[in-house]
Amino acid sequence: MKFYFPKLPKFRRQSVPKKINKLEAKLKKHNIKIAKLIENNKNSIIQQKHIIDEANNQIKYLEVELQQIKDLKGK
């Protein structure tokens, strides 16, 4: 009894330099994405710091006004 197996497709081996080039291209692509994310993060941190500074200035202003009101009530 003979068994017949279907012929499997032949897989072409990619040369090592070709594989390396593909991997380098992927790394470059991911590095660009990471750089963009870092830049966006820096901008977001700067905006948040600005908002916090404005809030702190407002708090100081309100504390001064509160102290003035207390001083006026005390007189």
PDB file of N, CA and C in Angstrom:
ATOM      1  N   MET A   1       0.837  -1.175   0.000  1.00  0.00           N
ATOM      2  CA  MET A   1       0.000   0.000   0.000  1.00  0.00           C
ATOM      3  C   MET A   1       0.886   1.245   0.000  1.00  0.00           C
ATOM      4  N   LYS A   2       0.641   2.126  -0.935  1.00  0.00           N
ATOM      5  CA  LYS A   2       1.440   3.347  -1.041  1.00  0.00           C
ATOM      6  C   LYS A   2       0.633   4.530  -0.510  1.00  0.00           C
ATOM      7  N   PHE A   3       1.357   5.410   0.182  1.00  0.00           N
ATOM      8  CA  PHE A   3       0.730   6.642   0.653  1.00  0.00           C
ATOM      9  C   PHE A   3       1.211   7.793  -0.201  1.00  0.00           C
ATOM     10  N   TYR A   4       0.297   8.630  -0.575  1.00  0.00           N
ATOM     11  CA  TYR A   4       0.657   9.789  -1.379  1.00  0.00           C
ATOM     12  C   TYR A   4       0.462  11.042  -0.526  1.00  0.00           C
ATOM     13  N   PHE A   5       1.518  11.786  -0.410  1.00  0.00           N
ATOM     14  CA  PHE A   5       1.465  13.029   0.347  1.00  0.00           C
ATOM     15  C   PHE A   5       1.451  14.197  -0.630  1.00  0.00           C
ATOM     16  N   PRO A   6       0.612  15.165  -0.365  1.00  0.00           N
ATOM     17  CA  PRO A   6       0.620  16.320  -1.270  1.00  0.00           C
ATOM     18  C   PRO A   6       1.946  17.058  -1.145  1.00  0.00           C
ATOM     19  N   LYS A   7       2.338  17.654  -2.219  1.00  0.00           N
ATOM     20  CA  LYS A   7       3.593  18.401  -2.191  1.00  0.00           C
ATOM     21  C   LYS A   7       3.387  19.684  -1.399  1.00  0.00           C
ATOM     22  N   LEU A   8       4.276  19.925  -0.494  1.00  0.00           N
ATOM     23  CA  LEU A   8       4.211  21.144   0.302  1.00  0.00           C
ATOM     24  C   LEU A   8       4.918  22.261  -0.455  1.00  0.00           C
ATOM     25  N   PRO A   9       4.436  23.481  -0.273  1.00  0.00           N
ATOM     26  CA  PRO A   9       5.104  24.583  -0.975  1.00  0.00           C
ATOM     27  C   PRO A   9       6.512  24.773  -0.418  1.00  0.00           C
ATOM     28  N   LYS A  10       7.400  25.133  -1.283  1.00  0.00           N
ATOM     29  CA  LYS A  10       8.776  25.371  -0.853  1.00  0.00           C
ATOM     30  C   LYS A  10       8.875  26.789  -0.298  1.00  0.00           C
ATOM     31  N   PHE A  11       9.468  26.878   0.851  1.00  0.00           N
ATOM     32  CA  PHE A  11       9.655  28.186   1.458  1.00  0.00           C
ATOM     33  C   PHE A  11      11.041  28.691   1.087  1.00  0.00           C
ATOM     34  N   ARG A  12      11.040  29.886   0.549  1.00  0.00           N
ATOM     35  CA  ARG A  12      12.335  30.468   0.190  1.00  0.00           C
ATOM     36  C   ARG A  12      12.988  31.021   1.444  1.00  0.00           C
ATOM     37  N   ARG A  13      14.191  30.707   1.591  1.00  0.00           N
ATOM     38  CA  ARG A  13      14.932  31.232   2.734  1.00  0.00           C
ATOM     39  C   ARG A  13      15.340  32.659   2.430  1.00  0.00           C
ATOM     40  N   GLN A  14      15.086  33.504   3.397  1.00  0.00           N
ATOM     41  CA  GLN A  14      15.535  34.881   3.219  1.00  0.00           C
ATOM     42  C   GLN A  14      16.974  34.972   3.687  1.00  0.00           C
ATOM     43  N   SER A  15      17.701  35.756   2.989  1.00  0.00           N
ATOM     44  CA  SER A  15      19.098  35.909   3.380  1.00  0.00           C
ATOM     45  C   SER A  15      19.177  36.689   4.692  1.00  0.00           C
ATOM     46  N   VAL A  16      20.229  36.472   5.402  1.00  0.00           N
ATOM     47  CA  VAL A  16      20.410  37.115   6.710  1.00  0.00           C
ATOM     48  C   VAL A  16      20.414  38.640   6.582  1.00  0.00           C
ATOM     49  N   PRO A  17      21.114  39.216   5.619  1.00  0.00           N
ATOM     50  CA  PRO A  17      21.089  40.681   5.519  1.00  0.00           C
ATOM     51  C   PRO A  17      19.676  41.223   5.273  1.00  0.00           C
ATOM     52  N   LYS A  18      18.882  40.489   4.531  1.00  0.00           N
ATOM     53  CA  LYS A  18      17.521  40.934   4.265  1.00  0.00           C
ATOM     54  C   LYS A  18      16.708  40.931   5.555  1.00  0.00           C
ATOM     55  N   LYS A  19      16.876  39.899   6.369  1.00  0.00           N
ATOM     56  CA  LYS A  19      16.186  39.836   7.659  1.00  0.00           C
ATOM     57  C   LYS A  19      16.634  40.984   8.567  1.00  0.00           C
ATOM     58  N   ILE A  20      17.936  41.234   8.555  1.00  0.00           N
ATOM     59  CA  ILE A  20      18.478  42.313   9.384  1.00  0.00           C
ATOM     60  C   ILE A  20      17.895  43.653   8.943  1.00  0.00           C
ATOM     61  N   ASN A  21      17.809  43.873   7.638  1.00  0.00           N
ATOM     62  CA  ASN A  21      17.247  45.133   7.138  1.00  0.00           C
ATOM     63  C   ASN A  21      15.791  45.298   7.565  1.00  0.00           C
ATOM     64  N   LYS A  22      15.036  44.206   7.523  1.00  0.00           N
ATOM     65  CA  LYS A  22      13.636  44.276   7.943  1.00  0.00           C
ATOM     66  C   LYS A  22      13.538  44.622   9.426  1.00  0.00           C
ATOM     67  N   LEU A  23      14.356  43.964  10.233  1.00  0.00           N
ATOM     68  CA  LEU A  23      14.333  44.239  11.668  1.00  0.00           C
ATOM     69  C   LEU A  23      14.760  45.675  11.970  1.00  0.00           C
ATOM     70  N   GLU A  24      15.769  46.160  11.256  1.00  0.00           N
ATOM     71  CA  GLU A  24      16.217  47.539  11.453  1.00  0.00           C
ATOM     72  C   GLU A  24      15.117  48.523  11.080  1.00  0.00           C
ATOM     73  N   ALA A  25      14.385  48.227  10.020  1.00  0.00           N
ATOM     74  CA  ALA A  25      13.288  49.103   9.611  1.00  0.00           C
ATOM     75  C   ALA A  25      12.204  49.134  10.687  1.00  0.00           C
ATOM     76  N   LYS A  26      11.888  47.965  11.252  1.00  0.00           N
ATOM     77  CA  LYS A  26      10.888  47.916  12.326  1.00  0.00           C
ATOM     78  C   LYS A  26      11.357  48.696  13.546  1.00  0.00           C
ATOM     79  N   LEU A  27      12.634  48.520  13.908  1.00  0.00           N
ATOM     80  CA  LEU A  27      13.176  49.233  15.062  1.00  0.00           C
ATOM     81  C   LEU A  27      13.123  50.743  14.848  1.00  0.00           C
ATOM     82  N   LYS A  28      13.476  51.168  13.639  1.00  0.00           N
ATOM     83  CA  LYS A  28      13.455  52.598  13.335  1.00  0.00           C
ATOM     84  C   LYS A  28      12.037  53.143  13.461  1.00  0.00           C
ATOM     85  N   LYS A  29      11.072  52.394  12.944  1.00  0.00           N
ATOM     86  CA  LYS A  29       9.672  52.799  13.008  1.00  0.00           C
ATOM     87  C   LYS A  29       9.217  52.927  14.464  1.00  0.00           C
ATOM     88  N   HIS A  30       9.570  51.942  15.287  1.00  0.00           N
ATOM     89  CA  HIS A  30       9.173  51.971  16.691  1.00  0.00           C
ATOM     90  C   HIS A  30       9.896  53.087  17.451  1.00  0.00           C
ATOM     91  N   ASN A  31      11.156  53.328  17.103  1.00  0.00           N
ATOM     92  CA  ASN A  31      11.897  54.403  17.763  1.00  0.00           C
ATOM     93  C   ASN A  31      11.270  55.761  17.463  1.00  0.00           C
ATOM     94  N   ILE A  32      10.793  55.938  16.228  1.00  0.00           N
ATOM     95  CA  ILE A  32      10.127  57.193  15.867  1.00  0.00           C
ATOM     96  C   ILE A  32       8.851  57.356  16.682  1.00  0.00           C
ATOM     97  N   LYS A  33       8.080  56.263  16.813  1.00  0.00           N
ATOM     98  CA  LYS A  33       6.853  56.315  17.613  1.00  0.00           C
ATOM     99  C   LYS A  33       7.166  56.664  19.065  1.00  0.00           C
ATOM    100  N   ILE A  34       8.200  56.052  19.609  1.00  0.00           N
ATOM    101  CA  ILE A  34       8.584  56.307  21.002  1.00  0.00           C
ATOM    102  C   ILE A  34       9.017  57.760  21.175  1.00  0.00           C
ATOM    103  N   ALA A  35       9.768  58.285  20.215  1.00  0.00           N
ATOM    104  CA  ALA A  35      10.211  59.679  20.294  1.00  0.00           C
ATOM    105  C   ALA A  35       9.010  60.629  20.276  1.00  0.00           C
ATOM    106  N   LYS A  36       8.015  60.326  19.445  1.00  0.00           N
ATOM    107  CA  LYS A  36       6.810  61.167  19.401  1.00  0.00           C
ATOM    108  C   LYS A  36       6.064  61.110  20.727  1.00  0.00           C
ATOM    109  N   LEU A  37       5.949  59.907  21.304  1.00  0.00           N
ATOM    110  CA  LEU A  37       5.268  59.766  22.591  1.00  0.00           C
ATOM    111  C   LEU A  37       5.998  60.538  23.688  1.00  0.00           C
ATOM    112  N   ILE A  38       7.319  60.486  23.674  1.00  0.00           N
ATOM    113  CA  ILE A  38       8.110  61.212  24.671  1.00  0.00           C
ATOM    114  C   ILE A  38       7.894  62.710  24.519  1.00  0.00           C
ATOM    115  N   GLU A  39       7.896  63.198  23.269  1.00  0.00           N
ATOM    116  CA  GLU A  39       7.692  64.624  23.021  1.00  0.00           C
ATOM    117  C   GLU A  39       6.303  65.068  23.493  1.00  0.00           C
ATOM    118  N   ASN A  40       5.293  64.254  23.175  1.00  0.00           N
ATOM    119  CA  ASN A  40       3.933  64.576  23.628  1.00  0.00           C
ATOM    120  C   ASN A  40       3.853  64.591  25.147  1.00  0.00           C
ATOM    121  N   ASN A  41       4.547  63.654  25.785  1.00  0.00           N
ATOM    122  CA  ASN A  41       4.561  63.585  27.242  1.00  0.00           C
ATOM    123  C   ASN A  41       5.210  64.839  27.835  1.00  0.00           C
ATOM    124  N   LYS A  42       6.327  65.271  27.235  1.00  0.00           N
ATOM    125  CA  LYS A  42       7.000  66.484  27.719  1.00  0.00           C
ATOM    126  C   LYS A  42       6.072  67.683  27.610  1.00  0.00           C
ATOM    127  N   ASN A  43       5.388  67.806  26.453  1.00  0.00           N
ATOM    128  CA  ASN A  43       4.472  68.935  26.272  1.00  0.00           C
ATOM    129  C   ASN A  43       3.341  68.891  27.285  1.00  0.00           C
ATOM    130  N   SER A  44       2.832  67.700  27.542  1.00  0.00           N
ATOM    131  CA  SER A  44       1.750  67.550  28.505  1.00  0.00           C
ATOM    132  C   SER A  44       2.225  67.939  29.906  1.00  0.00           C
ATOM    133  N   ILE A  45       3.417  67.550  30.258  1.00  0.00           N
ATOM    134  CA  ILE A  45       3.964  67.891  31.578  1.00  0.00           C
ATOM    135  C   ILE A  45       4.139  69.399  31.704  1.00  0.00           C
ATOM    136  N   ILE A  46       4.611  70.047  30.642  1.00  0.00           N
ATOM    137  CA  ILE A  46       4.788  71.502  30.673  1.00  0.00           C
ATOM    138  C   ILE A  46       3.438  72.193  30.855  1.00  0.00           C
ATOM    139  N   GLN A  47       2.412  71.714  30.145  1.00  0.00           N
ATOM    140  CA  GLN A  47       1.075  72.301  30.290  1.00  0.00           C
ATOM    141  C   GLN A  47       0.538  72.099  31.699  1.00  0.00           C
ATOM    142  N   GLN A  48       0.727  70.914  32.255  1.00  0.00           N
ATOM    143  CA  GLN A  48       0.245  70.642  33.604  1.00  0.00           C
ATOM    144  C   GLN A  48       0.964  71.517  34.624  1.00  0.00           C
ATOM    145  N   LYS A  49       2.276  71.709  34.428  1.00  0.00           N
ATOM    146  CA  LYS A  49       3.047  72.555  35.341  1.00  0.00           C
ATOM    147  C   LYS A  49       2.533  73.986  35.277  1.00  0.00           C
ATOM    148  N   HIS A  50       2.226  74.458  34.074  1.00  0.00           N
ATOM    149  CA  HIS A  50       1.695  75.812  33.917  1.00  0.00           C
ATOM    150  C   HIS A  50       0.365  75.956  34.656  1.00  0.00           C
ATOM    151  N   ILE A  51      -0.509  74.971  34.518  1.00  0.00           N
ATOM    152  CA  ILE A  51      -1.809  75.005  35.204  1.00  0.00           C
ATOM    153  C   ILE A  51      -1.619  75.004  36.713  1.00  0.00           C
ATOM    154  N   ILE A  52      -0.695  74.186  37.208  1.00  0.00           N
ATOM    155  CA  ILE A  52      -0.427  74.124  38.653  1.00  0.00           C
ATOM    156  C   ILE A  52       0.127  75.450  39.153  1.00  0.00           C
ATOM    157  N   ASP A  53       1.041  76.062  38.377  1.00  0.00           N
ATOM    158  CA  ASP A  53       1.590  77.362  38.775  1.00  0.00           C
ATOM    159  C   ASP A  53       0.498  78.423  38.847  1.00  0.00           C
ATOM    160  N   GLU A  54      -0.416  78.426  37.869  1.00  0.00           N
ATOM    161  CA  GLU A  54      -1.524  79.387  37.901  1.00  0.00           C
ATOM    162  C   GLU A  54      -2.400  79.160  39.131  1.00  0.00           C
ATOM    163  N   ALA A  55      -2.674  77.896  39.431  1.00  0.00           N
ATOM    164  CA  ALA A  55      -3.499  77.588  40.602  1.00  0.00           C
ATOM    165  C   ALA A  55      -2.801  78.030  41.884  1.00  0.00           C
ATOM    166  N   ASN A  56      -1.506  77.813  41.986  1.00  0.00           N
ATOM    167  CA  ASN A  56      -0.759  78.231  43.177  1.00  0.00           C
ATOM    168  C   ASN A  56      -0.779  79.747  43.328  1.00  0.00           C
ATOM    169  N   ASN A  57      -0.637  80.465  42.210  1.00  0.00           N
ATOM    170  CA  ASN A  57      -0.688  81.926  42.267  1.00  0.00           C
ATOM    171  C   ASN A  57      -2.067  82.398  42.731  1.00  0.00           C
ATOM    172  N   GLN A  58      -3.096  81.757  42.238  1.00  0.00           N
ATOM    173  CA  GLN A  58      -4.459  82.105  42.643  1.00  0.00           C
ATOM    174  C   GLN A  58      -4.658  81.839  44.140  1.00  0.00           C
ATOM    175  N   ILE A  59      -4.118  80.724  44.611  1.00  0.00           N
ATOM    176  CA  ILE A  59      -4.229  80.392  46.044  1.00  0.00           C
ATOM    177  C   ILE A  59      -3.521  81.447  46.889  1.00  0.00           C
ATOM    178  N   LYS A  60      -2.326  81.848  46.487  1.00  0.00           N
ATOM    179  CA  LYS A  60      -1.591  82.880  47.239  1.00  0.00           C
ATOM    180  C   LYS A  60      -2.377  84.187  47.272  1.00  0.00           C
ATOM    181  N   TYR A  61      -2.949  84.553  46.120  1.00  0.00           N
ATOM    182  CA  TYR A  61      -3.741  85.787  46.045  1.00  0.00           C
ATOM    183  C   TYR A  61      -4.938  85.718  46.989  1.00  0.00           C
ATOM    184  N   LEU A  62      -5.627  84.565  46.989  1.00  0.00           N
ATOM    185  CA  LEU A  62      -6.790  84.409  47.864  1.00  0.00           C
ATOM    186  C   LEU A  62      -6.392  84.395  49.337  1.00  0.00           C
ATOM    187  N   GLU A  63      -5.232  83.827  49.641  1.00  0.00           N
ATOM    188  CA  GLU A  63      -4.763  83.837  51.037  1.00  0.00           C
ATOM    189  C   GLU A  63      -4.500  85.260  51.510  1.00  0.00           C
ATOM    190  N   VAL A  64      -3.907  86.080  50.627  1.00  0.00           N
ATOM    191  CA  VAL A  64      -3.648  87.474  50.985  1.00  0.00           C
ATOM    192  C   VAL A  64      -4.959  88.215  51.208  1.00  0.00           C
ATOM    193  N   GLU A  65      -5.936  87.983  50.308  1.00  0.00           N
ATOM    194  CA  GLU A  65      -7.242  88.635  50.467  1.00  0.00           C
ATOM    195  C   GLU A  65      -7.923  88.181  51.758  1.00  0.00           C
ATOM    196  N   LEU A  66      -7.842  86.902  52.068  1.00  0.00           N
ATOM    197  CA  LEU A  66      -8.438  86.382  53.293  1.00  0.00           C
ATOM    198  C   LEU A  66      -7.798  87.024  54.515  1.00  0.00           C
ATOM    199  N   GLN A  67      -6.479  87.181  54.482  1.00  0.00           N
ATOM    200  CA  GLN A  67      -5.777  87.810  55.600  1.00  0.00           C
ATOM    201  C   GLN A  67      -6.208  89.265  55.754  1.00  0.00           C
ATOM    202  N   GLN A  68      -6.389  89.962  54.615  1.00  0.00           N
ATOM    203  CA  GLN A  68      -6.846  91.358  54.677  1.00  0.00           C
ATOM    204  C   GLN A  68      -8.247  91.447  55.271  1.00  0.00           C
ATOM    205  N   ILE A  69      -9.119  90.506  54.906  1.00  0.00           N
ATOM    206  CA  ILE A  69     -10.481  90.497  55.456  1.00  0.00           C
ATOM    207  C   ILE A  69     -10.444  90.238  56.953  1.00  0.00           C
ATOM    208  N   LYS A  70      -9.599  89.315  57.387  1.00  0.00           N
ATOM    209  CA  LYS A  70      -9.471  89.035  58.823  1.00  0.00           C
ATOM    210  C   LYS A  70      -8.953  90.244  59.568  1.00  0.00           C
ATOM    211  N   ASP A  71      -7.994  90.950  58.951  1.00  0.00           N
ATOM    212  CA  ASP A  71      -7.442  92.139  59.600  1.00  0.00           C
ATOM    213  C   ASP A  71      -8.511  93.218  59.724  1.00  0.00           C
ATOM    214  N   LEU A  72      -9.338  93.385  58.685  1.00  0.00           N
ATOM    215  CA  LEU A  72     -10.399  94.394  58.737  1.00  0.00           C
ATOM    216  C   LEU A  72     -11.455  94.044  59.780  1.00  0.00           C
ATOM    217  N   LYS A  73     -11.787  92.799  59.908  1.00  0.00           N
ATOM    218  CA  LYS A  73     -12.771  92.355  60.906  1.00  0.00           C
ATOM    219  C   LYS A  73     -12.234  92.533  62.324  1.00  0.00           C
ATOM    220  N   GLY A  74     -10.933  92.355  62.474  1.00  0.00           N
ATOM    221  CA  GLY A  74     -10.318  92.464  63.801  1.00  0.00           C
ATOM    222  C   GLY A  74     -10.270  93.877  64.313  1.00  0.00           C
ATOM    223  N   LYS A  75     -10.326  94.845  63.421  1.00  0.00           N
ATOM    224  CA  LYS A  75     -10.220  96.253  63.851  1.00  0.00           C
ATOM    225  C   LYS A  75     -11.488  96.773  64.385  1.00  0.00           C
TER     226      LYS A  75
END
